[in-house]
């Protein structure tokens, strides 16, 4: 058996063991999702923090970047060189490789939950849902609303496309939830809510550190 199959079996085993322990499958999905997201925090928080600080610095650099585009727009090599120098001056890299790597490391967890829950919950009831293996309209809407919540609490979304970046992922989430099991809708709603609360806490920390002078443009 390969490593990926072992990982999927481990997720299913933890969920079903929790369900058999009295939680039921639906609540077990909520608990295991929160547990996994909490265990990932030592990795996810630094990645999100770096991205938040980077976005803040990038906003401050927009006038200088525009000036460079206006001045060196016809000379790509000079523009790239000056842009790199500007980034380095403010402690930024053109590409945040650590952030990218940190996101990639977390990917197997989310993909594993998605694949494991696609065929979980046959015959299991949760609240008004008669079988978690089938889609449910209300749960799909809840998945969409929590997606909107997760996106809306992010102050780094560009104002000119903010509404679109909130609505489009939400509609996609609803459509996807209607195509898959209710078990996945529960997972998405729980994970989205966790992400939203993490974002709120993260930006509060960053704002406090900016006011204290620990973070500078």
N, C-alpha and C. Protein backbone atom coordinates (compact mmCIF):
# COMPACT_ATOMS: atom_id res chain seq x y z
N UNK A 1 0.84 -1.20 0.00
CA UNK A 1 0.00 0.00 0.00
C UNK A 1 0.88 1.25 0.00
N UNK A 2 0.58 2.23 -0.85
CA UNK A 2 1.45 3.41 -0.94
C UNK A 2 1.15 4.39 0.20
N UNK A 3 2.01 5.40 0.33
CA UNK A 3 1.93 6.35 1.43
C UNK A 3 0.61 7.14 1.38
N UNK A 4 0.20 7.50 0.15
CA UNK A 4 -1.04 8.30 0.03
C UNK A 4 -2.25 7.51 0.50
N UNK A 5 -2.30 6.24 0.15
CA UNK A 5 -3.42 5.39 0.59
C UNK A 5 -3.41 5.24 2.11
N UNK A 6 -2.22 5.13 2.69
CA UNK A 6 -2.11 5.03 4.14
C UNK A 6 -2.62 6.32 4.81
N UNK A 7 -2.30 7.47 4.20
CA UNK A 7 -2.73 8.75 4.74
C UNK A 7 -4.26 8.87 4.69
N UNK A 8 -4.85 8.47 3.57
CA UNK A 8 -6.31 8.52 3.45
C UNK A 8 -6.98 7.58 4.45
N UNK A 9 -6.40 6.39 4.62
CA UNK A 9 -6.96 5.44 5.59
C UNK A 9 -6.85 5.99 7.01
N UNK A 10 -5.76 6.71 7.29
CA UNK A 10 -5.58 7.28 8.63
C UNK A 10 -6.66 8.33 8.90
N UNK A 11 -6.94 9.17 7.90
CA UNK A 11 -7.98 10.19 8.08
C UNK A 11 -9.34 9.52 8.32
N UNK A 12 -9.67 8.54 7.49
CA UNK A 12 -10.95 7.86 7.64
C UNK A 12 -11.04 7.17 9.01
N UNK A 13 -9.94 6.55 9.44
CA UNK A 13 -9.94 5.83 10.71
C UNK A 13 -10.18 6.78 11.88
N UNK A 14 -9.51 7.93 11.86
CA UNK A 14 -9.68 8.91 12.94
C UNK A 14 -11.12 9.42 12.96
N UNK A 15 -11.68 9.71 11.79
CA UNK A 15 -13.06 10.21 11.72
C UNK A 15 -14.04 9.15 12.22
N UNK A 16 -13.90 7.93 11.74
CA UNK A 16 -14.85 6.88 12.12
C UNK A 16 -14.69 6.48 13.58
N UNK A 17 -13.45 6.50 14.10
CA UNK A 17 -13.24 6.20 15.51
C UNK A 17 -13.90 7.26 16.39
N UNK A 18 -13.75 8.53 15.98
CA UNK A 18 -14.39 9.62 16.71
C UNK A 18 -15.91 9.50 16.63
N UNK A 19 -16.40 9.12 15.45
CA UNK A 19 -17.84 8.96 15.26
C UNK A 19 -18.38 7.84 16.14
N UNK A 20 -17.66 6.71 16.17
CA UNK A 20 -18.09 5.57 16.97
C UNK A 20 -17.97 5.86 18.47
N UNK A 21 -17.13 6.85 18.81
CA UNK A 21 -16.97 7.21 20.22
C UNK A 21 -18.10 8.05 20.76
N UNK A 22 -19.08 8.34 19.91
CA UNK A 22 -20.26 9.06 20.37
C UNK A 22 -20.50 10.38 19.68
N UNK A 23 -19.56 10.81 18.83
CA UNK A 23 -19.74 12.10 18.17
C UNK A 23 -20.70 12.03 16.99
N UNK A 24 -20.72 10.87 16.33
CA UNK A 24 -21.44 10.80 15.06
C UNK A 24 -20.53 11.29 13.95
N UNK A 25 -20.79 10.88 12.72
CA UNK A 25 -19.88 11.19 11.62
C UNK A 25 -19.80 12.69 11.37
N UNK A 26 -20.94 13.38 11.36
CA UNK A 26 -20.93 14.81 11.06
C UNK A 26 -20.10 15.61 12.05
N UNK A 27 -20.35 15.41 13.34
CA UNK A 27 -19.59 16.13 14.36
C UNK A 27 -18.13 15.69 14.37
N UNK A 28 -17.89 14.42 14.06
CA UNK A 28 -16.51 13.93 14.00
C UNK A 28 -15.73 14.66 12.90
N UNK A 29 -16.38 14.94 11.77
CA UNK A 29 -15.72 15.68 10.69
C UNK A 29 -15.35 17.08 11.17
N UNK A 30 -16.27 17.71 11.91
CA UNK A 30 -16.00 19.05 12.45
C UNK A 30 -14.80 19.00 13.39
N UNK A 31 -14.79 18.04 14.31
CA UNK A 31 -13.73 17.94 15.33
C UNK A 31 -12.39 17.62 14.68
N UNK A 32 -12.37 16.66 13.75
CA UNK A 32 -11.10 16.29 13.10
C UNK A 32 -10.58 17.44 12.24
N UNK A 33 -11.47 18.16 11.57
CA UNK A 33 -11.06 19.32 10.78
C UNK A 33 -10.41 20.38 11.67
N UNK A 34 -11.05 20.68 12.79
CA UNK A 34 -10.49 21.67 13.72
C UNK A 34 -9.17 21.19 14.30
N UNK A 35 -9.08 19.89 14.58
CA UNK A 35 -7.84 19.33 15.12
C UNK A 35 -6.70 19.46 14.11
N UNK A 36 -6.97 19.09 12.85
CA UNK A 36 -5.94 19.18 11.82
C UNK A 36 -5.51 20.63 11.60
N UNK A 37 -6.47 21.55 11.53
CA UNK A 37 -6.13 22.95 11.32
C UNK A 37 -5.31 23.50 12.50
N UNK A 38 -5.64 23.05 13.71
CA UNK A 38 -4.89 23.49 14.88
C UNK A 38 -3.47 22.94 14.86
N UNK A 39 -3.33 21.67 14.49
CA UNK A 39 -2.01 21.05 14.41
C UNK A 39 -1.15 21.71 13.33
N UNK A 40 -1.80 22.25 12.29
CA UNK A 40 -1.07 22.91 11.21
C UNK A 40 -0.68 24.35 11.55
N UNK A 41 -1.21 24.90 12.63
CA UNK A 41 -0.97 26.30 12.96
C UNK A 41 0.51 26.67 13.05
N UNK A 42 1.37 25.82 13.67
CA UNK A 42 2.79 26.20 13.73
C UNK A 42 3.41 26.39 12.35
N UNK A 43 2.85 25.76 11.34
CA UNK A 43 3.32 25.95 9.97
C UNK A 43 2.51 27.01 9.23
N UNK A 44 1.18 26.97 9.39
CA UNK A 44 0.31 27.87 8.64
C UNK A 44 0.42 29.32 9.11
N UNK A 45 0.58 29.52 10.42
CA UNK A 45 0.62 30.89 10.93
C UNK A 45 1.81 31.67 10.38
N UNK A 46 3.05 31.14 10.43
CA UNK A 46 4.18 31.89 9.87
C UNK A 46 4.02 32.19 8.38
N UNK A 47 3.45 31.24 7.63
CA UNK A 47 3.23 31.46 6.20
C UNK A 47 2.24 32.61 6.00
N UNK A 48 1.12 32.57 6.73
CA UNK A 48 0.12 33.62 6.61
C UNK A 48 0.67 34.96 7.10
N UNK A 49 1.47 34.92 8.15
CA UNK A 49 2.05 36.16 8.70
C UNK A 49 2.99 36.80 7.67
N UNK A 50 3.84 35.98 7.05
CA UNK A 50 4.75 36.50 6.02
C UNK A 50 3.96 37.12 4.87
N UNK A 51 2.89 36.44 4.47
CA UNK A 51 2.08 36.95 3.36
C UNK A 51 1.41 38.26 3.73
N UNK A 52 0.93 38.37 4.97
CA UNK A 52 0.26 39.58 5.43
C UNK A 52 1.23 40.76 5.46
N UNK A 53 2.41 40.54 6.02
CA UNK A 53 3.42 41.61 6.08
C UNK A 53 3.87 42.00 4.68
N UNK A 54 4.01 41.01 3.81
CA UNK A 54 4.43 41.27 2.44
C UNK A 54 3.38 42.13 1.71
N UNK A 55 2.09 41.79 1.89
CA UNK A 55 1.03 42.56 1.25
C UNK A 55 1.02 44.00 1.74
N UNK A 56 1.26 44.18 3.03
CA UNK A 56 1.28 45.54 3.60
C UNK A 56 2.43 46.35 3.01
N UNK A 57 3.60 45.72 2.91
CA UNK A 57 4.75 46.41 2.34
C UNK A 57 4.54 46.70 0.85
N UNK A 58 3.92 45.75 0.15
CA UNK A 58 3.68 45.94 -1.28
C UNK A 58 2.74 47.12 -1.52
N UNK A 59 1.75 47.29 -0.65
CA UNK A 59 0.85 48.45 -0.78
C UNK A 59 1.63 49.75 -0.63
N UNK A 60 2.56 49.77 0.31
CA UNK A 60 3.36 50.98 0.53
C UNK A 60 4.27 51.27 -0.65
N UNK A 61 4.66 50.21 -1.38
CA UNK A 61 5.61 50.38 -2.49
C UNK A 61 4.94 50.71 -3.82
N UNK A 62 3.61 50.69 -3.86
CA UNK A 62 2.94 50.87 -5.14
C UNK A 62 3.32 52.16 -5.87
N UNK A 63 3.40 53.31 -5.19
CA UNK A 63 3.82 54.52 -5.92
C UNK A 63 5.21 54.40 -6.53
N UNK A 64 6.15 53.80 -5.78
CA UNK A 64 7.51 53.65 -6.30
C UNK A 64 7.55 52.64 -7.45
N UNK A 65 6.77 51.58 -7.34
CA UNK A 65 6.71 50.59 -8.43
C UNK A 65 6.12 51.20 -9.69
N UNK A 66 5.10 52.03 -9.53
CA UNK A 66 4.50 52.71 -10.67
C UNK A 66 5.51 53.64 -11.33
N UNK A 67 6.29 54.34 -10.51
CA UNK A 67 7.32 55.24 -11.06
C UNK A 67 8.35 54.45 -11.85
N UNK A 68 8.71 53.27 -11.35
CA UNK A 68 9.67 52.44 -12.07
C UNK A 68 9.09 51.95 -13.40
N UNK A 69 7.79 51.57 -13.38
CA UNK A 69 7.15 51.13 -14.62
C UNK A 69 7.11 52.25 -15.65
N UNK A 70 6.80 53.44 -15.16
CA UNK A 70 6.75 54.59 -16.08
C UNK A 70 8.13 54.90 -16.65
N UNK A 71 9.16 54.74 -15.83
CA UNK A 71 10.51 55.12 -16.25
C UNK A 71 11.20 54.06 -17.08
N UNK A 72 10.99 52.77 -16.71
CA UNK A 72 11.72 51.69 -17.37
C UNK A 72 10.79 50.71 -18.09
N UNK A 73 9.58 51.16 -18.41
CA UNK A 73 8.64 50.26 -19.06
C UNK A 73 9.11 49.71 -20.38
N UNK A 74 9.97 50.46 -21.08
CA UNK A 74 10.48 50.02 -22.38
C UNK A 74 11.79 49.26 -22.25
N UNK A 75 12.25 49.05 -21.04
CA UNK A 75 13.53 48.37 -20.81
C UNK A 75 13.32 47.31 -19.72
N UNK A 76 12.86 46.13 -20.09
CA UNK A 76 12.52 45.10 -19.10
C UNK A 76 13.67 44.73 -18.17
N UNK A 77 14.89 44.67 -18.72
CA UNK A 77 16.03 44.27 -17.88
C UNK A 77 16.29 45.32 -16.81
N UNK A 78 16.26 46.59 -17.19
CA UNK A 78 16.48 47.67 -16.21
C UNK A 78 15.34 47.71 -15.20
N UNK A 79 14.10 47.50 -15.67
CA UNK A 79 12.95 47.51 -14.77
C UNK A 79 13.06 46.40 -13.74
N UNK A 80 13.45 45.19 -14.18
CA UNK A 80 13.60 44.06 -13.27
C UNK A 80 14.70 44.32 -12.25
N UNK A 81 15.81 44.90 -12.71
CA UNK A 81 16.93 45.19 -11.82
C UNK A 81 16.53 46.22 -10.76
N UNK A 82 15.88 47.30 -11.18
CA UNK A 82 15.48 48.34 -10.24
C UNK A 82 14.40 47.85 -9.28
N UNK A 83 13.51 47.01 -9.80
CA UNK A 83 12.47 46.45 -8.94
C UNK A 83 13.08 45.55 -7.87
N UNK A 84 14.04 44.73 -8.28
CA UNK A 84 14.72 43.85 -7.33
C UNK A 84 15.44 44.67 -6.26
N UNK A 85 16.09 45.75 -6.68
CA UNK A 85 16.80 46.61 -5.72
C UNK A 85 15.81 47.24 -4.73
N UNK A 86 14.66 47.66 -5.23
CA UNK A 86 13.65 48.26 -4.36
C UNK A 86 13.13 47.24 -3.36
N UNK A 87 12.87 46.03 -3.83
CA UNK A 87 12.39 44.97 -2.95
C UNK A 87 13.42 44.67 -1.86
N UNK A 88 14.67 44.53 -2.27
CA UNK A 88 15.73 44.20 -1.31
C UNK A 88 15.89 45.31 -0.27
N UNK A 89 15.70 46.54 -0.68
CA UNK A 89 15.80 47.67 0.24
C UNK A 89 14.76 47.56 1.36
N UNK A 90 13.62 46.98 1.02
CA UNK A 90 12.53 46.86 2.00
C UNK A 90 12.41 45.43 2.55
N UNK A 91 13.44 44.62 2.34
CA UNK A 91 13.45 43.28 2.90
C UNK A 91 12.51 42.30 2.23
N UNK A 92 12.25 42.52 0.94
CA UNK A 92 11.34 41.65 0.19
C UNK A 92 12.10 40.91 -0.91
N UNK A 93 11.62 39.71 -1.23
CA UNK A 93 12.12 38.98 -2.39
C UNK A 93 11.09 39.07 -3.50
N UNK A 94 11.54 38.95 -4.75
CA UNK A 94 10.59 38.98 -5.86
C UNK A 94 9.56 37.87 -5.73
N UNK A 95 10.01 36.70 -5.27
CA UNK A 95 9.12 35.57 -5.02
C UNK A 95 9.41 35.05 -3.61
N UNK A 96 8.37 34.94 -2.80
CA UNK A 96 8.54 34.46 -1.43
C UNK A 96 8.58 32.93 -1.44
N UNK A 97 9.78 32.38 -1.64
CA UNK A 97 9.92 30.93 -1.77
C UNK A 97 9.54 30.20 -0.48
N UNK A 98 9.85 30.80 0.67
CA UNK A 98 9.49 30.16 1.93
C UNK A 98 7.97 30.07 2.07
N UNK A 99 7.28 31.12 1.66
CA UNK A 99 5.83 31.10 1.72
C UNK A 99 5.23 30.06 0.79
N UNK A 100 5.78 29.98 -0.42
CA UNK A 100 5.30 29.00 -1.39
C UNK A 100 5.53 27.59 -0.87
N UNK A 101 6.74 27.34 -0.34
CA UNK A 101 7.06 26.00 0.18
C UNK A 101 6.16 25.65 1.35
N UNK A 102 5.92 26.62 2.25
CA UNK A 102 5.05 26.36 3.39
C UNK A 102 3.64 26.01 2.97
N UNK A 103 3.14 26.66 1.94
CA UNK A 103 1.80 26.36 1.42
C UNK A 103 1.75 24.97 0.79
N UNK A 104 2.80 24.61 0.07
CA UNK A 104 2.85 23.30 -0.59
C UNK A 104 2.89 22.17 0.43
N UNK A 105 3.60 22.39 1.55
CA UNK A 105 3.70 21.36 2.58
C UNK A 105 2.33 21.05 3.17
N UNK A 106 1.46 22.07 3.25
CA UNK A 106 0.13 21.87 3.82
C UNK A 106 -0.84 21.21 2.84
N UNK A 107 -0.51 21.24 1.57
CA UNK A 107 -1.44 20.77 0.53
C UNK A 107 -1.87 19.32 0.72
N UNK A 108 -0.98 18.38 1.07
CA UNK A 108 -1.42 16.99 1.24
C UNK A 108 -2.51 16.82 2.30
N UNK A 109 -2.49 17.67 3.32
CA UNK A 109 -3.53 17.57 4.36
C UNK A 109 -4.89 17.90 3.79
N UNK A 110 -4.98 19.01 3.06
CA UNK A 110 -6.27 19.44 2.52
C UNK A 110 -6.75 18.51 1.40
N UNK A 111 -5.83 18.09 0.55
CA UNK A 111 -6.20 17.15 -0.50
C UNK A 111 -6.63 15.81 0.08
N UNK A 112 -5.93 15.40 1.16
CA UNK A 112 -6.28 14.14 1.80
C UNK A 112 -7.67 14.18 2.41
N UNK A 113 -7.99 15.28 3.07
CA UNK A 113 -9.34 15.42 3.63
C UNK A 113 -10.39 15.41 2.52
N UNK A 114 -10.12 16.10 1.44
CA UNK A 114 -11.07 16.14 0.33
C UNK A 114 -11.32 14.74 -0.22
N UNK A 115 -10.24 14.01 -0.49
CA UNK A 115 -10.41 12.69 -1.10
C UNK A 115 -11.02 11.70 -0.12
N UNK A 116 -10.63 11.78 1.16
CA UNK A 116 -11.15 10.84 2.14
C UNK A 116 -12.64 11.05 2.38
N UNK A 117 -13.08 12.30 2.34
CA UNK A 117 -14.48 12.61 2.64
C UNK A 117 -15.41 12.44 1.45
N UNK A 118 -14.85 12.28 0.28
CA UNK A 118 -15.70 12.09 -0.91
C UNK A 118 -16.55 10.84 -0.79
N UNK A 119 -16.02 9.82 -0.12
CA UNK A 119 -16.77 8.56 -0.01
C UNK A 119 -17.03 8.20 1.46
N UNK A 120 -17.17 9.21 2.29
CA UNK A 120 -17.45 8.99 3.71
C UNK A 120 -18.86 9.47 4.04
N UNK A 121 -19.51 8.74 4.91
CA UNK A 121 -20.81 9.20 5.42
C UNK A 121 -22.02 8.51 4.84
N UNK A 122 -21.84 7.42 4.13
CA UNK A 122 -22.99 6.71 3.57
C UNK A 122 -23.91 6.24 4.69
N UNK A 123 -25.16 6.68 4.64
CA UNK A 123 -26.13 6.27 5.64
C UNK A 123 -26.04 7.01 6.96
N UNK A 124 -25.03 7.87 7.11
CA UNK A 124 -24.86 8.59 8.37
C UNK A 124 -25.71 9.86 8.36
N UNK A 125 -26.43 10.11 9.44
CA UNK A 125 -27.26 11.30 9.56
C UNK A 125 -26.50 12.39 10.30
N UNK A 126 -26.86 13.65 9.99
CA UNK A 126 -26.30 14.78 10.73
C UNK A 126 -27.31 15.91 10.65
N UNK A 127 -27.84 16.29 11.82
CA UNK A 127 -28.87 17.31 11.88
C UNK A 127 -30.02 16.93 10.95
N UNK A 128 -30.32 17.74 9.93
CA UNK A 128 -31.44 17.47 9.03
C UNK A 128 -31.05 16.60 7.83
N UNK A 129 -29.75 16.29 7.69
CA UNK A 129 -29.27 15.54 6.53
C UNK A 129 -29.41 14.05 6.78
N UNK A 130 -30.09 13.35 5.86
CA UNK A 130 -30.35 11.93 6.07
C UNK A 130 -29.16 11.06 5.73
N UNK A 131 -28.30 11.50 4.82
CA UNK A 131 -27.10 10.75 4.47
C UNK A 131 -26.00 11.72 4.06
N UNK A 132 -24.88 11.66 4.76
CA UNK A 132 -23.78 12.58 4.48
C UNK A 132 -23.03 12.24 3.20
N UNK A 133 -23.38 11.13 2.57
CA UNK A 133 -22.73 10.78 1.31
C UNK A 133 -23.36 11.49 0.12
N UNK A 134 -24.52 12.16 0.38
CA UNK A 134 -25.21 12.87 -0.69
C UNK A 134 -25.17 14.37 -0.43
N UNK A 135 -25.24 15.19 -1.47
CA UNK A 135 -25.23 16.65 -1.27
C UNK A 135 -26.52 17.15 -0.64
N UNK A 136 -26.42 18.28 0.02
CA UNK A 136 -27.58 18.91 0.64
C UNK A 136 -27.54 20.39 0.31
N UNK A 137 -28.66 20.94 -0.12
CA UNK A 137 -28.70 22.33 -0.59
C UNK A 137 -28.34 23.31 0.53
N UNK A 138 -28.93 23.12 1.71
CA UNK A 138 -28.67 24.05 2.80
C UNK A 138 -27.21 24.01 3.25
N UNK A 139 -26.65 22.82 3.34
CA UNK A 139 -25.23 22.71 3.70
C UNK A 139 -24.35 23.35 2.64
N UNK A 140 -24.76 23.21 1.37
CA UNK A 140 -23.99 23.84 0.29
C UNK A 140 -24.01 25.36 0.43
N UNK A 141 -25.18 25.90 0.78
CA UNK A 141 -25.29 27.35 0.98
C UNK A 141 -24.44 27.78 2.17
N UNK A 142 -24.43 26.98 3.24
CA UNK A 142 -23.60 27.30 4.40
C UNK A 142 -22.12 27.30 4.01
N UNK A 143 -21.72 26.34 3.19
CA UNK A 143 -20.34 26.31 2.71
C UNK A 143 -20.01 27.58 1.93
N UNK A 144 -20.98 28.03 1.11
CA UNK A 144 -20.78 29.26 0.34
C UNK A 144 -20.70 30.49 1.24
N UNK A 145 -21.57 30.55 2.25
CA UNK A 145 -21.59 31.70 3.16
C UNK A 145 -20.30 31.78 3.98
N UNK A 146 -19.81 30.63 4.43
CA UNK A 146 -18.56 30.65 5.20
C UNK A 146 -17.38 31.00 4.31
N UNK A 147 -17.47 30.66 3.02
CA UNK A 147 -16.44 31.09 2.08
C UNK A 147 -16.45 32.60 1.94
N UNK A 148 -17.66 33.17 1.83
CA UNK A 148 -17.79 34.63 1.75
C UNK A 148 -17.24 35.29 3.02
N UNK A 149 -17.55 34.71 4.16
CA UNK A 149 -17.05 35.22 5.44
C UNK A 149 -15.53 35.19 5.46
N UNK A 150 -14.95 34.08 5.05
CA UNK A 150 -13.49 33.93 5.04
C UNK A 150 -12.83 34.98 4.15
N UNK A 151 -13.41 35.24 2.98
CA UNK A 151 -12.84 36.22 2.07
C UNK A 151 -13.07 37.65 2.56
N UNK A 152 -14.22 37.92 3.14
CA UNK A 152 -14.58 39.29 3.50
C UNK A 152 -13.76 39.84 4.65
N UNK A 153 -13.23 38.97 5.53
CA UNK A 153 -12.45 39.46 6.68
C UNK A 153 -11.01 39.77 6.31
N UNK A 154 -10.64 39.53 5.05
CA UNK A 154 -9.28 39.81 4.61
C UNK A 154 -9.20 41.25 4.09
N UNK A 155 -8.57 42.15 4.83
CA UNK A 155 -8.51 43.55 4.39
C UNK A 155 -7.54 43.79 3.24
N UNK A 156 -6.77 42.76 2.86
CA UNK A 156 -5.79 42.93 1.79
C UNK A 156 -6.39 42.76 0.40
N UNK A 157 -7.67 42.40 0.31
CA UNK A 157 -8.28 42.27 -1.01
C UNK A 157 -8.35 43.64 -1.67
N UNK A 158 -7.95 43.74 -2.94
CA UNK A 158 -8.01 45.03 -3.64
C UNK A 158 -9.45 45.55 -3.69
N UNK A 159 -9.63 46.83 -3.36
CA UNK A 159 -10.97 47.39 -3.27
C UNK A 159 -11.73 47.33 -4.60
N UNK A 160 -11.01 47.48 -5.72
CA UNK A 160 -11.68 47.53 -7.02
C UNK A 160 -12.26 46.18 -7.43
N UNK A 161 -11.74 45.10 -6.86
CA UNK A 161 -12.27 43.77 -7.21
C UNK A 161 -12.70 43.01 -5.95
N UNK A 162 -12.86 43.72 -4.84
CA UNK A 162 -13.16 43.07 -3.57
C UNK A 162 -14.47 42.27 -3.62
N UNK A 163 -15.52 42.90 -4.12
CA UNK A 163 -16.82 42.23 -4.17
C UNK A 163 -16.75 40.97 -5.03
N UNK A 164 -16.08 41.08 -6.17
CA UNK A 164 -15.95 39.92 -7.06
C UNK A 164 -15.18 38.80 -6.38
N UNK A 165 -14.11 39.15 -5.65
CA UNK A 165 -13.28 38.14 -5.00
C UNK A 165 -13.96 37.52 -3.79
N UNK A 166 -15.04 38.13 -3.33
CA UNK A 166 -15.84 37.53 -2.27
C UNK A 166 -16.94 36.64 -2.86
N UNK A 167 -17.62 37.16 -3.88
CA UNK A 167 -18.77 36.45 -4.44
C UNK A 167 -18.38 35.24 -5.28
N UNK A 168 -17.34 35.40 -6.13
CA UNK A 168 -16.99 34.32 -7.05
C UNK A 168 -16.59 33.03 -6.32
N UNK A 169 -15.66 33.07 -5.35
CA UNK A 169 -15.34 31.82 -4.63
C UNK A 169 -16.55 31.25 -3.88
N UNK A 170 -17.43 32.13 -3.41
CA UNK A 170 -18.61 31.66 -2.68
C UNK A 170 -19.55 30.88 -3.60
N UNK A 171 -19.77 31.40 -4.79
CA UNK A 171 -20.62 30.70 -5.76
C UNK A 171 -19.99 29.38 -6.17
N UNK A 172 -18.67 29.40 -6.39
CA UNK A 172 -17.97 28.17 -6.75
C UNK A 172 -18.10 27.13 -5.64
N UNK A 173 -18.00 27.58 -4.37
CA UNK A 173 -18.12 26.67 -3.24
C UNK A 173 -19.51 26.03 -3.19
N UNK A 174 -20.54 26.82 -3.45
CA UNK A 174 -21.91 26.28 -3.44
C UNK A 174 -22.08 25.25 -4.54
N UNK A 175 -21.63 25.59 -5.74
CA UNK A 175 -21.75 24.66 -6.88
C UNK A 175 -20.99 23.38 -6.60
N UNK A 176 -19.75 23.50 -6.06
CA UNK A 176 -18.95 22.32 -5.77
C UNK A 176 -19.61 21.46 -4.69
N UNK A 177 -20.14 22.12 -3.65
CA UNK A 177 -20.78 21.37 -2.56
C UNK A 177 -22.01 20.61 -3.05
N UNK A 178 -22.68 21.14 -4.07
CA UNK A 178 -23.85 20.45 -4.63
C UNK A 178 -23.47 19.27 -5.50
N UNK A 179 -22.18 19.19 -5.86
CA UNK A 179 -21.72 18.09 -6.69
C UNK A 179 -21.12 16.94 -5.88
N UNK A 180 -20.75 17.25 -4.64
CA UNK A 180 -20.08 16.24 -3.81
C UNK A 180 -20.95 15.91 -2.60
N UNK A 181 -20.34 15.23 -1.63
CA UNK A 181 -21.09 14.78 -0.47
C UNK A 181 -21.29 15.91 0.54
N UNK A 182 -22.29 15.73 1.40
CA UNK A 182 -22.51 16.67 2.49
C UNK A 182 -21.35 16.65 3.47
N UNK A 183 -20.67 15.51 3.56
CA UNK A 183 -19.49 15.42 4.42
C UNK A 183 -18.45 16.46 4.03
N UNK A 184 -18.27 16.65 2.73
CA UNK A 184 -17.32 17.66 2.25
C UNK A 184 -17.81 19.07 2.55
N UNK A 185 -19.10 19.29 2.44
CA UNK A 185 -19.66 20.62 2.75
C UNK A 185 -19.41 20.97 4.22
N UNK A 186 -19.56 19.99 5.11
CA UNK A 186 -19.28 20.22 6.53
C UNK A 186 -17.81 20.56 6.72
N UNK A 187 -16.94 19.82 6.05
CA UNK A 187 -15.50 20.09 6.14
C UNK A 187 -15.17 21.49 5.64
N UNK A 188 -15.72 21.86 4.49
CA UNK A 188 -15.42 23.19 3.92
C UNK A 188 -15.93 24.29 4.84
N UNK A 189 -17.13 24.14 5.36
CA UNK A 189 -17.70 25.18 6.24
C UNK A 189 -16.86 25.34 7.50
N UNK A 190 -16.42 24.21 8.08
CA UNK A 190 -15.61 24.26 9.30
C UNK A 190 -14.25 24.87 9.01
N UNK A 191 -13.61 24.43 7.94
CA UNK A 191 -12.29 24.93 7.60
C UNK A 191 -12.33 26.42 7.24
N UNK A 192 -13.36 26.83 6.51
CA UNK A 192 -13.50 28.25 6.15
C UNK A 192 -13.65 29.13 7.39
N UNK A 193 -14.44 28.67 8.34
CA UNK A 193 -14.64 29.44 9.57
C UNK A 193 -13.35 29.56 10.36
N UNK A 194 -12.61 28.46 10.42
CA UNK A 194 -11.30 28.48 11.10
C UNK A 194 -10.37 29.47 10.41
N UNK A 195 -10.34 29.43 9.08
CA UNK A 195 -9.47 30.34 8.32
C UNK A 195 -9.85 31.80 8.55
N UNK A 196 -11.16 32.07 8.60
CA UNK A 196 -11.62 33.44 8.82
C UNK A 196 -11.17 33.96 10.18
N UNK A 197 -11.34 33.15 11.22
CA UNK A 197 -10.93 33.56 12.56
C UNK A 197 -9.42 33.72 12.64
N UNK A 198 -8.69 32.84 11.95
CA UNK A 198 -7.23 32.96 11.91
C UNK A 198 -6.82 34.27 11.24
N UNK A 199 -7.50 34.62 10.16
CA UNK A 199 -7.20 35.86 9.45
C UNK A 199 -7.44 37.08 10.32
N UNK A 200 -8.57 37.09 11.05
CA UNK A 200 -8.89 38.20 11.95
C UNK A 200 -7.80 38.35 13.01
N UNK A 201 -7.41 37.22 13.62
CA UNK A 201 -6.37 37.25 14.65
C UNK A 201 -5.03 37.70 14.08
N UNK A 202 -4.71 37.20 12.90
CA UNK A 202 -3.43 37.52 12.27
C UNK A 202 -3.31 39.02 11.99
N UNK A 203 -4.34 39.60 11.41
CA UNK A 203 -4.28 41.03 11.08
C UNK A 203 -4.28 41.90 12.33
N UNK A 204 -4.92 41.42 13.40
CA UNK A 204 -4.87 42.16 14.67
C UNK A 204 -3.45 42.17 15.20
N UNK A 205 -2.75 41.05 15.10
CA UNK A 205 -1.36 40.97 15.55
C UNK A 205 -0.47 41.87 14.70
N UNK A 206 -0.66 41.83 13.38
CA UNK A 206 0.17 42.65 12.49
C UNK A 206 -0.07 44.13 12.75
N UNK A 207 -1.33 44.54 12.91
CA UNK A 207 -1.62 45.95 13.20
C UNK A 207 -0.96 46.40 14.50
N UNK A 208 -1.00 45.55 15.51
CA UNK A 208 -0.39 45.89 16.78
C UNK A 208 1.13 46.04 16.64
N UNK A 209 1.74 45.15 15.85
CA UNK A 209 3.19 45.21 15.67
C UNK A 209 3.60 46.42 14.81
N UNK A 210 2.74 46.82 13.90
CA UNK A 210 3.01 48.02 13.11
C UNK A 210 2.97 49.26 14.01
N UNK A 211 1.95 49.31 14.88
CA UNK A 211 1.84 50.46 15.79
C UNK A 211 3.01 50.54 16.75
N UNK A 212 3.53 49.37 17.15
CA UNK A 212 4.65 49.35 18.08
C UNK A 212 5.99 49.62 17.42
N UNK A 213 5.99 49.60 16.07
CA UNK A 213 7.22 49.84 15.33
C UNK A 213 8.02 48.58 15.04
N UNK A 214 7.49 47.41 15.45
CA UNK A 214 8.20 46.15 15.20
C UNK A 214 8.20 45.79 13.72
N UNK A 215 7.19 46.27 12.99
CA UNK A 215 7.12 46.08 11.54
C UNK A 215 7.18 47.44 10.89
N UNK A 216 8.11 47.60 9.98
CA UNK A 216 8.27 48.87 9.28
C UNK A 216 8.08 48.67 7.78
N UNK A 217 7.56 49.69 7.07
CA UNK A 217 7.41 49.59 5.62
C UNK A 217 8.76 49.37 4.97
